[in-house]
PDB file of N, CA and C in Angstrom:
ATOM      1  N   UNK A   1     105.982 101.322 109.877  1.00  0.00           N
ATOM      2  CA  UNK A   1     105.482 100.601 108.683  1.00  0.00           C
ATOM      3  C   UNK A   1     104.568 101.715 108.045  1.00  0.00           C
ATOM      4  N   UNK A   2     104.759 101.342 106.748  1.00  0.00           N
ATOM      5  CA  UNK A   2     103.612 102.239 105.919  1.00  0.00           C
ATOM      6  C   UNK A   2     102.420 101.209 105.422  1.00  0.00           C
ATOM      7  N   UNK A   3     101.138 102.077 105.502  1.00  0.00           N
ATOM      8  CA  UNK A   3     100.022 101.195 105.422  1.00  0.00           C
ATOM      9  C   UNK A   3      99.174 102.033 104.284  1.00  0.00           C
ATOM     10  N   UNK A   4      98.425 101.352 103.391  1.00  0.00           N
ATOM     11  CA  UNK A   4      97.661 102.411 102.475  1.00  0.00           C
ATOM     12  C   UNK A   4      96.232 101.582 101.973  1.00  0.00           C
ATOM     13  N   UNK A   5      95.472 102.501 101.752  1.00  0.00           N
ATOM     14  CA  UNK A   5      94.050 102.083 101.146  1.00  0.00           C
ATOM     15  C   UNK A   5      94.393 102.499  99.992  1.00  0.00           C
ATOM     16  N   UNK A   6      93.746 101.718  98.901  1.00  0.00           N
ATOM     17  CA  UNK A   6      93.368 101.993  97.526  1.00  0.00           C
ATOM     18  C   UNK A   6      92.104 101.740  97.063  1.00  0.00           C
ATOM     19  N   UNK A   7      91.801 102.535  96.080  1.00  0.00           N
ATOM     20  CA  UNK A   7      90.390 102.060  95.362  1.00  0.00           C
ATOM     21  C   UNK A   7      91.228 102.371  93.512  1.00  0.00           C
ATOM     22  N   UNK A   8      90.795 101.210  93.184  1.00  0.00           N
ATOM     23  CA  UNK A   8      91.323 101.285  91.737  1.00  0.00           C
ATOM     24  C   UNK A   8      90.256 101.048  90.507  1.00  0.00           C
ATOM     25  N   UNK A   9      90.340 101.659  89.523  1.00  0.00           N
ATOM     26  CA  UNK A   9      89.602 101.646  88.234  1.00  0.00           C
ATOM     27  C   UNK A   9      88.282 102.105  88.635  1.00  0.00           C
ATOM     28  N   UNK A  10      88.178 103.358  89.442  1.00  0.00           N
ATOM     29  CA  UNK A  10      86.893 103.740  89.381  1.00  0.00           C
ATOM     30  C   UNK A  10      86.310 104.539  88.303  1.00  0.00           C
ATOM     31  N   UNK A  11      85.092 104.222  87.641  1.00  0.00           N
ATOM     32  CA  UNK A  11      84.653 104.722  86.662  1.00  0.00           C
ATOM     33  C   UNK A  11      83.514 105.470  86.678  1.00  0.00           C
ATOM     34  N   UNK A  12      83.618 106.918  85.770  1.00  0.00           N
ATOM     35  CA  UNK A  12      83.256 107.845  85.736  1.00  0.00           C
ATOM     36  C   UNK A  12      82.739 108.575  84.284  1.00  0.00           C
ATOM     37  N   UNK A  13      81.430 109.003  84.291  1.00  0.00           N
ATOM     38  CA  UNK A  13      81.119 109.718  82.997  1.00  0.00           C
ATOM     39  C   UNK A  13      81.101 110.908  83.422  1.00  0.00           C
ATOM     40  N   UNK A  14      81.988 111.902  82.988  1.00  0.00           N
ATOM     41  CA  UNK A  14      82.467 113.258  83.252  1.00  0.00           C
ATOM     42  C   UNK A  14      82.289 114.346  82.420  1.00  0.00           C
ATOM     43  N   UNK A  15      82.121 115.705  82.678  1.00  0.00           N
ATOM     44  CA  UNK A  15      82.220 116.650  81.528  1.00  0.00           C
ATOM     45  C   UNK A  15      83.756 117.685  81.946  1.00  0.00           C
ATOM     46  N   UNK A  16      84.726 116.983  81.799  1.00  0.00           N
ATOM     47  CA  UNK A  16      86.198 117.994  81.757  1.00  0.00           C
ATOM     48  C   UNK A  16      86.792 117.843  80.349  1.00  0.00           C
ATOM     49  N   UNK A  17      87.166 119.007  80.027  1.00  0.00           N
ATOM     50  CA  UNK A  17      87.855 119.174  78.842  1.00  0.00           C
ATOM     51  C   UNK A  17      87.914 120.559  78.639  1.00  0.00           C
ATOM     52  N   UNK A  18      89.311 120.969  77.836  1.00  0.00           N
ATOM     53  CA  UNK A  18      89.583 122.413  77.323  1.00  0.00           C
ATOM     54  C   UNK A  18      88.373 122.896  76.378  1.00  0.00           C
ATOM     55  N   UNK A  19      87.969 122.092  75.658  1.00  0.00           N
ATOM     56  CA  UNK A  19      87.054 122.400  74.523  1.00  0.00           C
ATOM     57  C   UNK A  19      85.598 122.502  75.134  1.00  0.00           C
ATOM     58  N   UNK A  20      84.801 123.492  74.645  1.00  0.00           N
ATOM     59  CA  UNK A  20      83.253 123.734  75.305  1.00  0.00           C
ATOM     60  C   UNK A  20      82.557 122.317  74.713  1.00  0.00           C
ATOM     61  N   UNK A  21      82.818 121.638  73.638  1.00  0.00           N
ATOM     62  CA  UNK A  21      82.258 120.271  73.166  1.00  0.00           C
ATOM     63  C   UNK A  21      82.509 119.319  74.107  1.00  0.00           C
ATOM     64  N   UNK A  22      83.795 119.372  74.565  1.00  0.00           N
ATOM     65  CA  UNK A  22      84.044 118.169  75.783  1.00  0.00           C
ATOM     66  C   UNK A  22      83.435 118.098  77.194  1.00  0.00           C
ATOM     67  N   UNK A  23      83.192 119.417  77.428  1.00  0.00           N
ATOM     68  CA  UNK A  23      82.392 120.120  78.546  1.00  0.00           C
ATOM     69  C   UNK A  23      81.051 119.744  78.424  1.00  0.00           C
ATOM     70  N   UNK A  24      80.251 119.597  77.251  1.00  0.00           N
ATOM     71  CA  UNK A  24      79.183 119.523  76.976  1.00  0.00           C
ATOM     72  C   UNK A  24      78.606 118.082  76.648  1.00  0.00           C
ATOM     73  N   UNK A  25      79.364 117.446  76.058  1.00  0.00           N
ATOM     74  CA  UNK A  25      79.221 115.849  75.500  1.00  0.00           C
ATOM     75  C   UNK A  25      79.545 115.019  76.476  1.00  0.00           C
ATOM     76  N   UNK A  26      80.950 115.192  77.404  1.00  0.00           N
ATOM     77  CA  UNK A  26      81.376 114.441  78.141  1.00  0.00           C
ATOM     78  C   UNK A  26      82.163 113.346  77.874  1.00  0.00           C
ATOM     79  N   UNK A  27      82.568 112.439  78.568  1.00  0.00           N
ATOM     80  CA  UNK A  27      83.387 111.398  78.370  1.00  0.00           C
ATOM     81  C   UNK A  27      83.727 110.620  79.495  1.00  0.00           C
ATOM     82  N   UNK A  28      84.172 109.357  79.232  1.00  0.00           N
ATOM     83  CA  UNK A  28      84.477 108.245  80.375  1.00  0.00           C
ATOM     84  C   UNK A  28      85.950 108.635  80.928  1.00  0.00           C
ATOM     85  N   UNK A  29      86.000 108.371  82.385  1.00  0.00           N
ATOM     86  CA  UNK A  29      87.204 108.723  82.970  1.00  0.00           C
ATOM     87  C   UNK A  29      87.308 107.625  83.970  1.00  0.00           C
ATOM     88  N   UNK A  30      88.557 107.529  84.257  1.00  0.00           N
ATOM     89  CA  UNK A  30      88.978 106.429  85.077  1.00  0.00           C
ATOM     90  C   UNK A  30      89.930 106.961  86.575  1.00  0.00           C
ATOM     91  N   UNK A  31      89.684 106.832  87.405  1.00  0.00           N
ATOM     92  CA  UNK A  31      90.222 107.259  88.714  1.00  0.00           C
ATOM     93  C   UNK A  31      90.725 106.344  89.671  1.00  0.00           C
ATOM     94  N   UNK A  32      92.364 106.447  90.013  1.00  0.00           N
ATOM     95  CA  UNK A  32      92.742 105.200  91.090  1.00  0.00           C
ATOM     96  C   UNK A  32      93.389 106.197  92.099  1.00  0.00           C
ATOM     97  N   UNK A  33      93.247 105.783  93.428  1.00  0.00           N
ATOM     98  CA  UNK A  33      93.643 106.559  94.396  1.00  0.00           C
ATOM     99  C   UNK A  33      94.278 105.687  95.496  1.00  0.00           C
ATOM    100  N   UNK A  34      95.462 106.092  95.920  1.00  0.00           N
ATOM    101  CA  UNK A  34      95.920 105.444  96.983  1.00  0.00           C
ATOM    102  C   UNK A  34      96.381 106.504  98.047  1.00  0.00           C
ATOM    103  N   UNK A  35      95.990 106.259  99.368  1.00  0.00           N
ATOM    104  CA  UNK A  35      96.077 107.193 100.557  1.00  0.00           C
ATOM    105  C   UNK A  35      97.107 106.260 101.588  1.00  0.00           C
ATOM    106  N   UNK A  36      97.946 107.209 102.105  1.00  0.00           N
ATOM    107  CA  UNK A  36      98.661 106.739 103.261  1.00  0.00           C
ATOM    108  C   UNK A  36      98.126 106.989 104.406  1.00  0.00           C
ATOM    109  N   UNK A  37      97.918 106.121 105.372  1.00  0.00           N
ATOM    110  CA  UNK A  37      97.366 106.480 106.623  1.00  0.00           C
ATOM    111  C   UNK A  37      97.832 105.246 107.567  1.00  0.00           C
ATOM    112  N   UNK A  38      97.960 105.549 109.185  1.00  0.00           N
ATOM    113  CA  UNK A  38      98.001 104.442 110.028  1.00  0.00           C
ATOM    114  C   UNK A  38      96.982 103.495 110.259  1.00  0.00           C
ATOM    115  N   UNK A  39      97.327 102.161 109.644  1.00  0.00           N
ATOM    116  CA  UNK A  39      96.037 101.102 109.819  1.00  0.00           C
ATOM    117  C   UNK A  39      96.354 100.322 110.975  1.00  0.00           C
ATOM    118  N   UNK A  40      97.508 100.677 111.758  1.00  0.00           N
ATOM    119  CA  UNK A  40      97.737  99.579 112.838  1.00  0.00           C
ATOM    120  C   UNK A  40      96.628  99.505 113.877  1.00  0.00           C
ATOM    121  N   UNK A  41      95.867 100.354 114.223  1.00  0.00           N
ATOM    122  CA  UNK A  41      94.693 100.072 115.086  1.00  0.00           C
ATOM    123  C   UNK A  41      93.527  99.209 114.470  1.00  0.00           C
ATOM    124  N   UNK A  42      93.294  99.525 113.233  1.00  0.00           N
ATOM    125  CA  UNK A  42      92.429  98.943 112.639  1.00  0.00           C
ATOM    126  C   UNK A  42      92.732  97.215 112.282  1.00  0.00           C
ATOM    127  N   UNK A  43      93.903  97.049 112.328  1.00  0.00           N
ATOM    128  CA  UNK A  43      94.745  95.934 112.191  1.00  0.00           C
ATOM    129  C   UNK A  43      94.268  95.071 113.350  1.00  0.00           C
ATOM    130  N   UNK A  44      94.538  95.776 114.368  1.00  0.00           N
ATOM    131  CA  UNK A  44      94.317  95.246 115.795  1.00  0.00           C
ATOM    132  C   UNK A  44      92.777  95.019 116.081  1.00  0.00           C
ATOM    133  N   UNK A  45      92.285  95.918 115.874  1.00  0.00           N
ATOM    134  CA  UNK A  45      90.785  95.816 116.545  1.00  0.00           C
ATOM    135  C   UNK A  45      89.726  95.549 115.787  1.00  0.00           C
ATOM    136  N   UNK A  46      89.930  95.392 114.427  1.00  0.00           N
ATOM    137  CA  UNK A  46      88.881  95.111 113.398  1.00  0.00           C
ATOM    138  C   UNK A  46      87.725  96.004 113.525  1.00  0.00           C
ATOM    139  N   UNK A  47      87.776  97.176 113.749  1.00  0.00           N
ATOM    140  CA  UNK A  47      86.729  98.156 114.057  1.00  0.00           C
ATOM    141  C   UNK A  47      86.899  99.329 112.980  1.00  0.00           C
ATOM    142  N   UNK A  48      85.827  99.353 112.322  1.00  0.00           N
ATOM    143  CA  UNK A  48      85.870 100.482 111.088  1.00  0.00           C
ATOM    144  C   UNK A  48      86.119 101.623 111.757  1.00  0.00           C
ATOM    145  N   UNK A  49      85.643 102.375 112.667  1.00  0.00           N
ATOM    146  CA  UNK A  49      85.945 103.478 113.280  1.00  0.00           C
ATOM    147  C   UNK A  49      87.225 104.274 113.499  1.00  0.00           C
ATOM    148  N   UNK A  50      88.299 102.879 113.254  1.00  0.00           N
ATOM    149  CA  UNK A  50      89.681 102.972 113.317  1.00  0.00           C
ATOM    150  C   UNK A  50      90.467 103.145 112.082  1.00  0.00           C
ATOM    151  N   UNK A  51      89.751 103.324 111.025  1.00  0.00           N
ATOM    152  CA  UNK A  51      90.212 103.484 109.800  1.00  0.00           C
ATOM    153  C   UNK A  51      89.446 104.165 108.991  1.00  0.00           C
ATOM    154  N   UNK A  52      89.727 104.370 107.456  1.00  0.00           N
ATOM    155  CA  UNK A  52      88.965 105.077 106.863  1.00  0.00           C
ATOM    156  C   UNK A  52      87.952 104.354 105.843  1.00  0.00           C
ATOM    157  N   UNK A  53      86.629 104.675 106.055  1.00  0.00           N
ATOM    158  CA  UNK A  53      85.638 103.860 105.200  1.00  0.00           C
ATOM    159  C   UNK A  53      85.527 103.871 103.787  1.00  0.00           C
ATOM    160  N   UNK A  54      86.297 102.957 102.965  1.00  0.00           N
ATOM    161  CA  UNK A  54      86.371 102.910 101.469  1.00  0.00           C
ATOM    162  C   UNK A  54      85.272 103.520 100.792  1.00  0.00           C
ATOM    163  N   UNK A  55      83.816 103.429 101.274  1.00  0.00           N
ATOM    164  CA  UNK A  55      82.705 104.129 100.747  1.00  0.00           C
ATOM    165  C   UNK A  55      82.907 105.601 100.756  1.00  0.00           C
ATOM    166  N   UNK A  56      83.302 106.157 101.855  1.00  0.00           N
ATOM    167  CA  UNK A  56      83.615 107.801 102.059  1.00  0.00           C
ATOM    168  C   UNK A  56      84.354 108.047 100.992  1.00  0.00           C
ATOM    169  N   UNK A  57      85.622 107.541 100.980  1.00  0.00           N
ATOM    170  CA  UNK A  57      86.617 107.955 100.024  1.00  0.00           C
ATOM    171  C   UNK A  57      86.169 107.859  98.665  1.00  0.00           C
ATOM    172  N   UNK A  58      85.392 106.920  98.246  1.00  0.00           N
ATOM    173  CA  UNK A  58      84.892 106.716  96.804  1.00  0.00           C
ATOM    174  C   UNK A  58      83.810 107.982  96.630  1.00  0.00           C
ATOM    175  N   UNK A  59      83.011 108.038  97.814  1.00  0.00           N
ATOM    176  CA  UNK A  59      82.095 109.296  97.706  1.00  0.00           C
ATOM    177  C   UNK A  59      82.809 110.671  97.560  1.00  0.00           C
ATOM    178  N   UNK A  60      83.829 110.826  97.943  1.00  0.00           N
ATOM    179  CA  UNK A  60      84.883 112.036  97.957  1.00  0.00           C
ATOM    180  C   UNK A  60      85.438 112.180  96.632  1.00  0.00           C
ATOM    181  N   UNK A  61      85.798 111.010  96.014  1.00  0.00           N
ATOM    182  CA  UNK A  61      86.373 111.124  94.520  1.00  0.00           C
ATOM    183  C   UNK A  61      84.896 111.326  93.405  1.00  0.00           C
ATOM    184  N   UNK A  62      84.090 110.608  93.869  1.00  0.00           N
ATOM    185  CA  UNK A  62      82.662 110.818  92.904  1.00  0.00           C
ATOM    186  C   UNK A  62      82.156 112.433  92.842  1.00  0.00           C
ATOM    187  N   UNK A  63      82.244 112.955  93.944  1.00  0.00           N
ATOM    188  CA  UNK A  63      81.685 114.383  94.042  1.00  0.00           C
ATOM    189  C   UNK A  63      82.385 115.290  93.208  1.00  0.00           C
ATOM    190  N   UNK A  64      84.124 114.904  93.427  1.00  0.00           N
ATOM    191  CA  UNK A  64      84.769 115.864  92.641  1.00  0.00           C
ATOM    192  C   UNK A  64      84.665 115.804  91.207  1.00  0.00           C
ATOM    193  N   UNK A  65      84.535 114.523  90.950  1.00  0.00           N
ATOM    194  CA  UNK A  65      84.128 114.310  89.475  1.00  0.00           C
ATOM    195  C   UNK A  65      83.061 114.716  88.853  1.00  0.00           C
ATOM    196  N   UNK A  66      82.033 115.180  89.701  1.00  0.00           N
ATOM    197  CA  UNK A  66      80.705 115.940  89.023  1.00  0.00           C
ATOM    198  C   UNK A  66      81.230 117.367  88.814  1.00  0.00           C
ATOM    199  N   UNK A  67      82.228 117.829  89.179  1.00  0.00           N
ATOM    200  CA  UNK A  67      82.464 119.322  88.880  1.00  0.00           C
ATOM    201  C   UNK A  67      83.324 119.599  87.570  1.00  0.00           C
ATOM    202  N   UNK A  68      82.796 120.018  86.824  1.00  0.00           N
ATOM    203  CA  UNK A  68      83.390 120.034  85.542  1.00  0.00           C
ATOM    204  C   UNK A  68      84.884 121.228  85.416  1.00  0.00           C
ATOM    205  N   UNK A  69      85.693 120.779  84.900  1.00  0.00           N
ATOM    206  CA  UNK A  69      87.114 121.493  84.814  1.00  0.00           C
ATOM    207  C   UNK A  69      87.611 121.356  83.320  1.00  0.00           C
ATOM    208  N   UNK A  70      88.436 122.209  83.049  1.00  0.00           N
ATOM    209  CA  UNK A  70      89.206 122.207  81.801  1.00  0.00           C
ATOM    210  C   UNK A  70      90.302 121.002  81.948  1.00  0.00           C
ATOM    211  N   UNK A  71      90.749 120.933  82.834  1.00  0.00           N
ATOM    212  CA  UNK A  71      92.108 120.265  83.016  1.00  0.00           C
ATOM    213  C   UNK A  71      92.063 118.996  83.742  1.00  0.00           C
ATOM    214  N   UNK A  72      92.714 117.955  83.573  1.00  0.00           N
ATOM    215  CA  UNK A  72      92.638 116.772  84.512  1.00  0.00           C
ATOM    216  C   UNK A  72      93.683 117.224  85.682  1.00  0.00           C
ATOM    217  N   UNK A  73      94.496 117.962  85.422  1.00  0.00           N
ATOM    218  CA  UNK A  73      95.398 118.435  86.474  1.00  0.00           C
ATOM    219  C   UNK A  73      94.640 119.199  87.660  1.00  0.00           C
ATOM    220  N   UNK A  74      93.596 120.015  87.291  1.00  0.00           N
ATOM    221  CA  UNK A  74      92.532 120.753  88.207  1.00  0.00           C
ATOM    222  C   UNK A  74      92.039 119.701  88.902  1.00  0.00           C
ATOM    223  N   UNK A  75      91.351 118.547  88.319  1.00  0.00           N
ATOM    224  CA  UNK A  75      90.510 117.524  88.954  1.00  0.00           C
ATOM    225  C   UNK A  75      91.562 116.841  90.076  1.00  0.00           C
ATOM    226  N   UNK A  76      92.493 116.248  89.543  1.00  0.00           N
ATOM    227  CA  UNK A  76      93.343 115.599  90.596  1.00  0.00           C
ATOM    228  C   UNK A  76      93.731 116.358  91.524  1.00  0.00           C
ATOM    229  N   UNK A  77      93.939 117.619  91.531  1.00  0.00           N
ATOM    230  CA  UNK A  77      94.254 118.666  92.453  1.00  0.00           C
ATOM    231  C   UNK A  77      93.181 118.771  93.374  1.00  0.00           C
ATOM    232  N   UNK A  78      91.928 118.920  93.150  1.00  0.00           N
ATOM    233  CA  UNK A  78      91.146 119.033  93.874  1.00  0.00           C
ATOM    234  C   UNK A  78      90.660 117.712  94.554  1.00  0.00           C
ATOM    235  N   UNK A  79      90.643 116.553  94.058  1.00  0.00           N
ATOM    236  CA  UNK A  79      90.652 115.288  94.586  1.00  0.00           C
ATOM    237  C   UNK A  79      91.428 115.182  96.001  1.00  0.00           C
ATOM    238  N   UNK A  80      93.055 115.415  95.744  1.00  0.00           N
ATOM    239  CA  UNK A  80      93.935 115.584  96.646  1.00  0.00           C
ATOM    240  C   UNK A  80      93.504 116.444  97.788  1.00  0.00           C
ATOM    241  N   UNK A  81      93.004 117.659  97.523  1.00  0.00           N
ATOM    242  CA  UNK A  81      92.676 118.718  98.474  1.00  0.00           C
ATOM    243  C   UNK A  81      91.491 117.944  99.600  1.00  0.00           C
ATOM    244  N   UNK A  82      90.533 117.513  98.780  1.00  0.00           N
ATOM    245  CA  UNK A  82      89.501 116.992  99.425  1.00  0.00           C
ATOM    246  C   UNK A  82      89.621 115.939 100.416  1.00  0.00           C
ATOM    247  N   UNK A  83      90.393 114.947  99.810  1.00  0.00           N
ATOM    248  CA  UNK A  83      90.683 113.939 100.714  1.00  0.00           C
ATOM    249  C   UNK A  83      91.602 114.265 102.036  1.00  0.00           C
ATOM    250  N   UNK A  84      92.654 115.115 101.672  1.00  0.00           N
ATOM    251  CA  UNK A  84      93.155 115.547 102.698  1.00  0.00           C
ATOM    252  C   UNK A  84      92.651 116.343 103.784  1.00  0.00           C
ATOM    253  N   UNK A  85      91.559 117.331 103.261  1.00  0.00           N
ATOM    254  CA  UNK A  85      90.743 117.978 104.153  1.00  0.00           C
ATOM    255  C   UNK A  85      89.772 117.258 105.198  1.00  0.00           C
ATOM    256  N   UNK A  86      88.991 116.049 104.421  1.00  0.00           N
ATOM    257  CA  UNK A  86      88.347 115.283 104.839  1.00  0.00           C
ATOM    258  C   UNK A  86      88.694 114.286 105.642  1.00  0.00           C
ATOM    259  N   UNK A  87      89.965 114.008 105.729  1.00  0.00           N
ATOM    260  CA  UNK A  87      90.541 112.710 106.610  1.00  0.00           C
ATOM    261  C   UNK A  87      92.036 113.286 107.034  1.00  0.00           C
ATOM    262  N   UNK A  88      92.213 114.068 107.824  1.00  0.00           N
ATOM    263  CA  UNK A  88      93.405 114.633 108.148  1.00  0.00           C
ATOM    264  C   UNK A  88      94.610 113.512 108.440  1.00  0.00           C
ATOM    265  N   UNK A  89      94.006 112.285 108.887  1.00  0.00           N
ATOM    266  CA  UNK A  89      94.936 111.095 109.281  1.00  0.00           C
ATOM    267  C   UNK A  89      95.714 110.558 108.117  1.00  0.00           C
ATOM    268  N   UNK A  90      95.104 111.183 106.787  1.00  0.00           N
ATOM    269  CA  UNK A  90      96.011 110.694 105.593  1.00  0.00           C
ATOM    270  C   UNK A  90      97.273 111.741 105.466  1.00  0.00           C
ATOM    271  N   UNK A  91      98.344 110.766 105.477  1.00  0.00           N
ATOM    272  CA  UNK A  91      99.809 111.696 105.476  1.00  0.00           C
ATOM    273  C   UNK A  91     100.265 111.718 103.895  1.00  0.00           C
ATOM    274  N   UNK A  92      99.383 111.058 103.036  1.00  0.00           N
ATOM    275  CA  UNK A  92     100.207 111.323 101.757  1.00  0.00           C
ATOM    276  C   UNK A  92      99.321 110.249 100.778  1.00  0.00           C
ATOM    277  N   UNK A  93      99.886 110.302  99.376  1.00  0.00           N
ATOM    278  CA  UNK A  93      99.125 109.632  98.741  1.00  0.00           C
ATOM    279  C   UNK A  93      99.426 110.024  97.129  1.00  0.00           C
ATOM    280  N   UNK A  94      98.549 109.177  96.425  1.00  0.00           N
ATOM    281  CA  UNK A  94      98.654 109.227  94.750  1.00  0.00           C
ATOM    282  C   UNK A  94      97.151 109.301  94.325  1.00  0.00           C
ATOM    283  N   UNK A  95      97.135 110.056  93.340  1.00  0.00           N
ATOM    284  CA  UNK A  95      95.836 110.115  92.727  1.00  0.00           C
ATOM    285  C   UNK A  95      96.079 109.997  90.986  1.00  0.00           C
ATOM    286  N   UNK A  96      95.441 109.400  90.192  1.00  0.00           N
ATOM    287  CA  UNK A  96      95.577 109.309  89.076  1.00  0.00           C
ATOM    288  C   UNK A  96      94.206 109.666  88.427  1.00  0.00           C
ATOM    289  N   UNK A  97      93.922 110.452  87.416  1.00  0.00           N
ATOM    290  CA  UNK A  97      93.032 110.700  86.569  1.00  0.00           C
ATOM    291  C   UNK A  97      92.959 110.508  85.158  1.00  0.00           C
ATOM    292  N   UNK A  98      92.314 109.778  84.653  1.00  0.00           N
ATOM    293  CA  UNK A  98      92.721 109.300  83.329  1.00  0.00           C
ATOM    294  C   UNK A  98      91.170 109.469  82.424  1.00  0.00           C
ATOM    295  N   UNK A  99      91.520 110.230  80.931  1.00  0.00           N
ATOM    296  CA  UNK A  99      90.495 110.463  80.048  1.00  0.00           C
ATOM    297  C   UNK A  99      90.637 109.235  79.212  1.00  0.00           C
ATOM    298  N   UNK A 100      89.440 108.640  79.107  1.00  0.00           N
ATOM    299  CA  UNK A 100      89.554 107.344  78.282  1.00  0.00           C
ATOM    300  C   UNK A 100      89.113 107.872  76.883  1.00  0.00           C
ATOM    301  N   UNK A 101      89.933 107.452  75.764  1.00  0.00           N
ATOM    302  CA  UNK A 101      90.026 107.989  74.425  1.00  0.00           C
ATOM    303  C   UNK A 101      89.695 109.382  74.451  1.00  0.00           C
ATOM    304  N   UNK A 102      90.718 109.884  74.452  1.00  0.00           N
ATOM    305  CA  UNK A 102      90.655 111.661  74.775  1.00  0.00           C
ATOM    306  C   UNK A 102      90.728 112.208  73.263  1.00  0.00           C
ATOM    307  N   UNK A 103      89.963 113.219  72.819  1.00  0.00           N
ATOM    308  CA  UNK A 103      89.852 113.744  71.297  1.00  0.00           C
ATOM    309  C   UNK A 103      91.579 114.187  70.800  1.00  0.00           C
ATOM    310  N   UNK A 104      92.067 112.879  70.573  1.00  0.00           N
ATOM    311  CA  UNK A 104      93.329 113.388  70.112  1.00  0.00           C
ATOM    312  C   UNK A 104      93.473 112.645  68.667  1.00  0.00           C
ATOM    313  N   UNK A 105      94.156 113.359  67.632  1.00  0.00           N
ATOM    314  CA  UNK A 105      94.354 112.503  66.414  1.00  0.00           C
ATOM    315  C   UNK A 105      95.305 111.344  66.638  1.00  0.00           C
ATOM    316  N   UNK A 106      94.865 110.220  66.736  1.00  0.00           N
ATOM    317  CA  UNK A 106      95.955 109.159  66.715  1.00  0.00           C
ATOM    318  C   UNK A 106      95.259 108.077  67.779  1.00  0.00           C
ATOM    319  N   UNK A 107      95.954 106.756  67.641  1.00  0.00           N
ATOM    320  CA  UNK A 107      95.512 105.753  68.479  1.00  0.00           C
ATOM    321  C   UNK A 107      96.082 105.829  69.827  1.00  0.00           C
ATOM    322  N   UNK A 108      95.090 106.233  70.786  1.00  0.00           N
ATOM    323  CA  UNK A 108      95.615 106.356  72.039  1.00  0.00           C
ATOM    324  C   UNK A 108      94.201 105.965  72.915  1.00  0.00           C
ATOM    325  N   UNK A 109      94.639 105.219  73.972  1.00  0.00           N
ATOM    326  CA  UNK A 109      93.758 104.629  74.794  1.00  0.00           C
ATOM    327  C   UNK A 109      93.168 105.526  75.823  1.00  0.00           C
ATOM    328  N   UNK A 110      94.072 106.347  76.540  1.00  0.00           N
ATOM    329  CA  UNK A 110      93.566 107.153  77.675  1.00  0.00           C
ATOM    330  C   UNK A 110      94.779 108.355  77.966  1.00  0.00           C
ATOM    331  N   UNK A 111      94.663 109.417  78.284  1.00  0.00           N
ATOM    332  CA  UNK A 111      95.377 110.299  78.732  1.00  0.00           C
ATOM    333  C   UNK A 111      95.378 110.443  80.196  1.00  0.00           C
ATOM    334  N   UNK A 112      96.413 110.487  81.136  1.00  0.00           N
ATOM    335  CA  UNK A 112      96.145 110.461  82.599  1.00  0.00           C
ATOM    336  C   UNK A 112      97.111 111.698  83.087  1.00  0.00           C
ATOM    337  N   UNK A 113      96.771 111.881  84.235  1.00  0.00           N
ATOM    338  CA  UNK A 113      97.538 112.565  85.261  1.00  0.00           C
ATOM    339  C   UNK A 113      97.737 112.191  86.444  1.00  0.00           C
ATOM    340  N   UNK A 114      98.982 112.206  87.118  1.00  0.00           N
ATOM    341  CA  UNK A 114      99.047 111.707  88.399  1.00  0.00           C
ATOM    342  C   UNK A 114      99.761 112.505  89.379  1.00  0.00           C
ATOM    343  N   UNK A 115      99.020 112.667  90.560  1.00  0.00           N
ATOM    344  CA  UNK A 115      99.421 113.713  91.326  1.00  0.00           C
ATOM    345  C   UNK A 115     100.022 112.667  92.692  1.00  0.00           C
ATOM    346  N   UNK A 116     101.121 112.875  93.245  1.00  0.00           N
ATOM    347  CA  UNK A 116     101.659 112.348  94.474  1.00  0.00           C
ATOM    348  C   UNK A 116     102.248 113.412  95.458  1.00  0.00           C
ATOM    349  N   UNK A 117     101.676 112.981  96.719  1.00  0.00           N
ATOM    350  CA  UNK A 117     101.973 114.032  97.801  1.00  0.00           C
ATOM    351  C   UNK A 117     102.433 113.060  98.899  1.00  0.00           C
TER     352      UNK A 117
END
């Protein structure tokens, strides 16, 4: 059986971007994360210590979003590395980092990078 914990539409104001202006002014971002781990014990025991605390997962993502990067790819890679390091029970996952209304000429809602492992 595969089981997942997901946090969706986490919103942050952060300072990522290739241009210096983007890194100074900032922008809105949205992050979705899904992590794969064995939830069998949690389903059986109803004990938080047998699963991953959603609040910790959110905090790990929030911390990485505060570190300015030029590329969304770099942000997504850091998030992946952090969750894998902090919770070795995670066997895979997906993280999507989206920049809302990126500075692109044209009608665009968001630009996103998705990393799956």
